[in-house]
Amino acid sequence: MTVTLASLSQQTGLAVLDHLDRSVSIPVVDGIQAQGDLIVVPMAEVSSLSFWPKAEWTDVPPEGVELLRGVAGGNPHTLVADPGTCRWTRGVSEPGGLAIGVFEASAPVYLLHPEHGASGCAPGRYAVRRQREYAAGGWGSRLVVD
């Protein structure tokens, strides 16, 4: 089955902005991908993340799970999966404090954002993090704001 931006929007009830083509097929990849202020990294490429001893995993419902919302109540980044194919935990930590959580999927899952559209993740285990960028003038780094 081809997954489109329209079908994800309908499944979640999350509207996307008018400039996006709703008929486009959503690509599914197994590597690092970024969406605004969020980045998804395959766990095979992550070394410093650890799980809390009593980390709770929850199934991702068909309407999705909000992973991160933009600054000042902005648009949400939503993880969308078919029933029984993906679970998610926020019970993680890492030295830089960028980790939001981890999901593991047995089938393709999708990241949906009203402004950026959607992208797909192949089956596997992924870390979800905030993105950071270097600040101008050599002032270290700051979180990417979407």
Protein backbone atom coordinates (compact mmCIF):
# COMPACT_ATOMS: atom_id res chain seq x y z
CA MET A 1 0.00 0.00 0.00
CA THR A 2 1.30 3.43 -0.95
CA VAL A 3 1.25 5.91 1.92
CA THR A 4 0.60 9.52 0.97
CA LEU A 5 0.60 12.76 2.89
CA ALA A 6 -3.21 12.82 2.52
CA SER A 7 -3.60 9.34 4.06
CA LEU A 8 -1.34 10.20 7.02
CA SER A 9 -3.18 13.46 7.58
CA GLN A 10 -6.52 11.65 7.52
CA GLN A 11 -5.27 8.87 9.85
CA THR A 12 -3.99 11.31 12.47
CA GLY A 13 -6.47 14.15 12.05
CA LEU A 14 -3.46 16.46 11.75
CA ALA A 15 -3.88 18.99 8.94
CA VAL A 16 -0.91 19.91 6.77
CA LEU A 17 -0.29 23.32 5.25
CA ASP A 18 -1.67 24.18 1.82
CA HIS A 19 1.73 24.45 0.09
CA LEU A 20 2.30 20.68 0.45
CA ASP A 21 1.26 18.19 -2.25
CA ARG A 22 -0.99 15.74 -0.41
CA SER A 23 -0.85 13.16 -3.22
CA VAL A 24 2.91 12.58 -2.92
CA SER A 25 4.08 9.11 -1.86
CA ILE A 26 6.11 9.20 1.35
CA PRO A 27 9.63 7.76 0.97
CA VAL A 28 10.86 5.24 3.55
CA VAL A 29 14.58 5.25 4.44
CA ASP A 30 16.72 3.46 7.00
CA GLY A 31 19.27 6.18 7.72
CA ILE A 32 19.52 9.44 9.60
CA GLN A 33 16.78 11.92 8.78
CA ALA A 34 15.97 15.39 10.01
CA GLN A 35 12.69 17.25 10.12
CA GLY A 36 12.99 20.83 11.34
CA ASP A 37 14.23 20.77 14.94
CA LEU A 38 14.01 16.97 15.22
CA ILE A 39 16.52 14.33 14.06
CA VAL A 40 16.05 10.56 13.91
CA VAL A 41 19.16 8.37 14.15
CA PRO A 42 19.38 4.58 13.78
CA MET A 43 20.44 3.10 17.13
CA ALA A 44 23.40 1.39 15.43
CA GLU A 45 24.89 4.88 15.05
CA VAL A 46 24.25 5.97 18.65
CA SER A 47 26.79 5.27 21.38
CA SER A 48 26.02 7.51 24.34
CA LEU A 49 22.31 6.93 24.89
CA SER A 50 21.11 4.84 27.84
CA PHE A 51 17.71 3.56 28.91
CA TRP A 52 16.28 4.29 32.35
CA PRO A 53 16.09 1.13 34.50
CA LYS A 54 12.27 1.27 34.51
CA ALA A 55 11.71 2.80 31.08
CA GLU A 56 8.09 2.29 30.04
CA TRP A 57 7.34 1.41 26.43
CA THR A 58 3.97 2.26 24.89
CA ASP A 59 2.45 1.22 21.59
CA VAL A 60 2.09 3.99 19.03
CA PRO A 61 -1.64 4.36 18.29
CA PRO A 62 -2.94 4.90 14.72
CA GLU A 63 -3.45 8.62 15.39
CA GLY A 64 0.22 8.88 16.33
CA VAL A 65 2.34 10.16 19.19
CA GLU A 66 3.50 13.74 19.43
CA LEU A 67 7.29 13.61 19.76
CA LEU A 68 8.06 17.31 19.88
CA ARG A 69 6.16 20.56 19.42
CA GLY A 70 7.76 23.67 17.98
CA VAL A 71 8.64 26.64 20.14
CA ALA A 72 5.74 28.66 21.60
CA GLY A 73 3.15 25.97 20.86
CA GLY A 74 4.14 25.57 17.21
CA ASN A 75 3.53 22.62 14.94
CA PRO A 76 3.95 19.08 16.31
CA HIS A 77 6.23 16.35 15.00
CA THR A 78 4.08 13.22 15.15
CA LEU A 79 5.18 9.57 14.93
CA VAL A 80 2.56 7.54 13.02
CA ALA A 81 2.37 3.74 12.78
CA ASP A 82 -0.08 0.98 11.98
CA PRO A 83 -1.46 -0.79 15.07
CA GLY A 84 0.94 -3.24 16.69
CA THR A 85 3.97 -2.24 14.59
CA CYS A 86 5.74 0.34 16.74
CA ARG A 87 6.45 1.09 20.39
CA TRP A 88 8.00 4.16 21.96
CA THR A 89 9.68 5.31 25.18
CA ARG A 90 10.81 8.62 26.60
CA GLY A 91 12.79 6.72 29.25
CA VAL A 92 16.23 7.57 27.90
CA SER A 93 19.10 9.90 28.67
CA GLU A 94 22.38 10.96 27.12
CA PRO A 95 25.17 13.35 28.12
CA GLY A 96 24.16 16.18 25.75
CA GLY A 97 20.53 16.14 26.86
CA LEU A 98 19.24 16.06 23.28
CA ALA A 99 17.47 12.68 23.47
CA ILE A 100 13.67 12.77 23.37
CA GLY A 101 13.14 9.02 23.18
CA VAL A 102 13.51 5.82 21.20
CA PHE A 103 11.09 3.95 18.97
CA GLU A 104 11.30 0.47 17.52
CA ALA A 105 9.24 -0.59 14.54
CA SER A 106 8.51 -3.89 12.82
CA ALA A 107 7.04 -2.13 9.76
CA PRO A 108 7.55 1.31 8.18
CA VAL A 109 6.53 4.24 10.39
CA TYR A 110 6.17 7.90 9.52
CA LEU A 111 7.07 11.31 10.91
CA LEU A 112 4.38 13.87 10.10
CA HIS A 113 4.68 17.63 10.45
CA PRO A 114 2.10 20.17 9.22
CA GLU A 115 4.74 22.42 7.63
CA HIS A 116 7.45 19.94 6.55
CA GLY A 117 5.23 17.09 5.34
CA ALA A 118 6.25 13.53 6.11
CA SER A 119 9.09 11.05 5.89
CA GLY A 120 9.20 7.32 6.55
CA CYS A 121 11.50 5.17 8.67
CA ALA A 122 12.20 1.56 7.71
CA PRO A 123 11.71 -1.13 10.36
CA GLY A 124 14.33 -0.90 13.10
CA ARG A 125 15.21 0.94 16.30
CA TYR A 126 15.82 4.70 16.25
CA ALA A 127 16.80 7.45 18.67
CA VAL A 128 14.82 10.67 18.43
CA ARG A 129 16.71 13.83 19.34
CA ARG A 130 16.48 17.58 19.26
CA GLN A 131 18.87 19.16 16.77
CA ARG A 132 21.44 21.71 17.74
CA GLU A 133 23.51 24.10 15.67
CA TYR A 134 26.56 26.23 16.27
CA ALA A 135 25.75 29.73 17.40
CA ALA A 136 27.13 32.69 15.46
CA GLY A 137 30.16 34.42 16.87
CA GLY A 138 31.63 31.32 18.51
CA TRP A 139 29.10 31.25 21.36
CA GLY A 140 28.85 27.46 21.45
CA SER A 141 25.70 25.75 20.30
CA ARG A 142 21.94 26.24 20.57
CA LEU A 143 18.87 24.15 19.86
CA VAL A 144 17.43 24.40 16.37
CA VAL A 145 14.12 26.23 16.62
CA ASP A 146 11.37 25.15 14.26
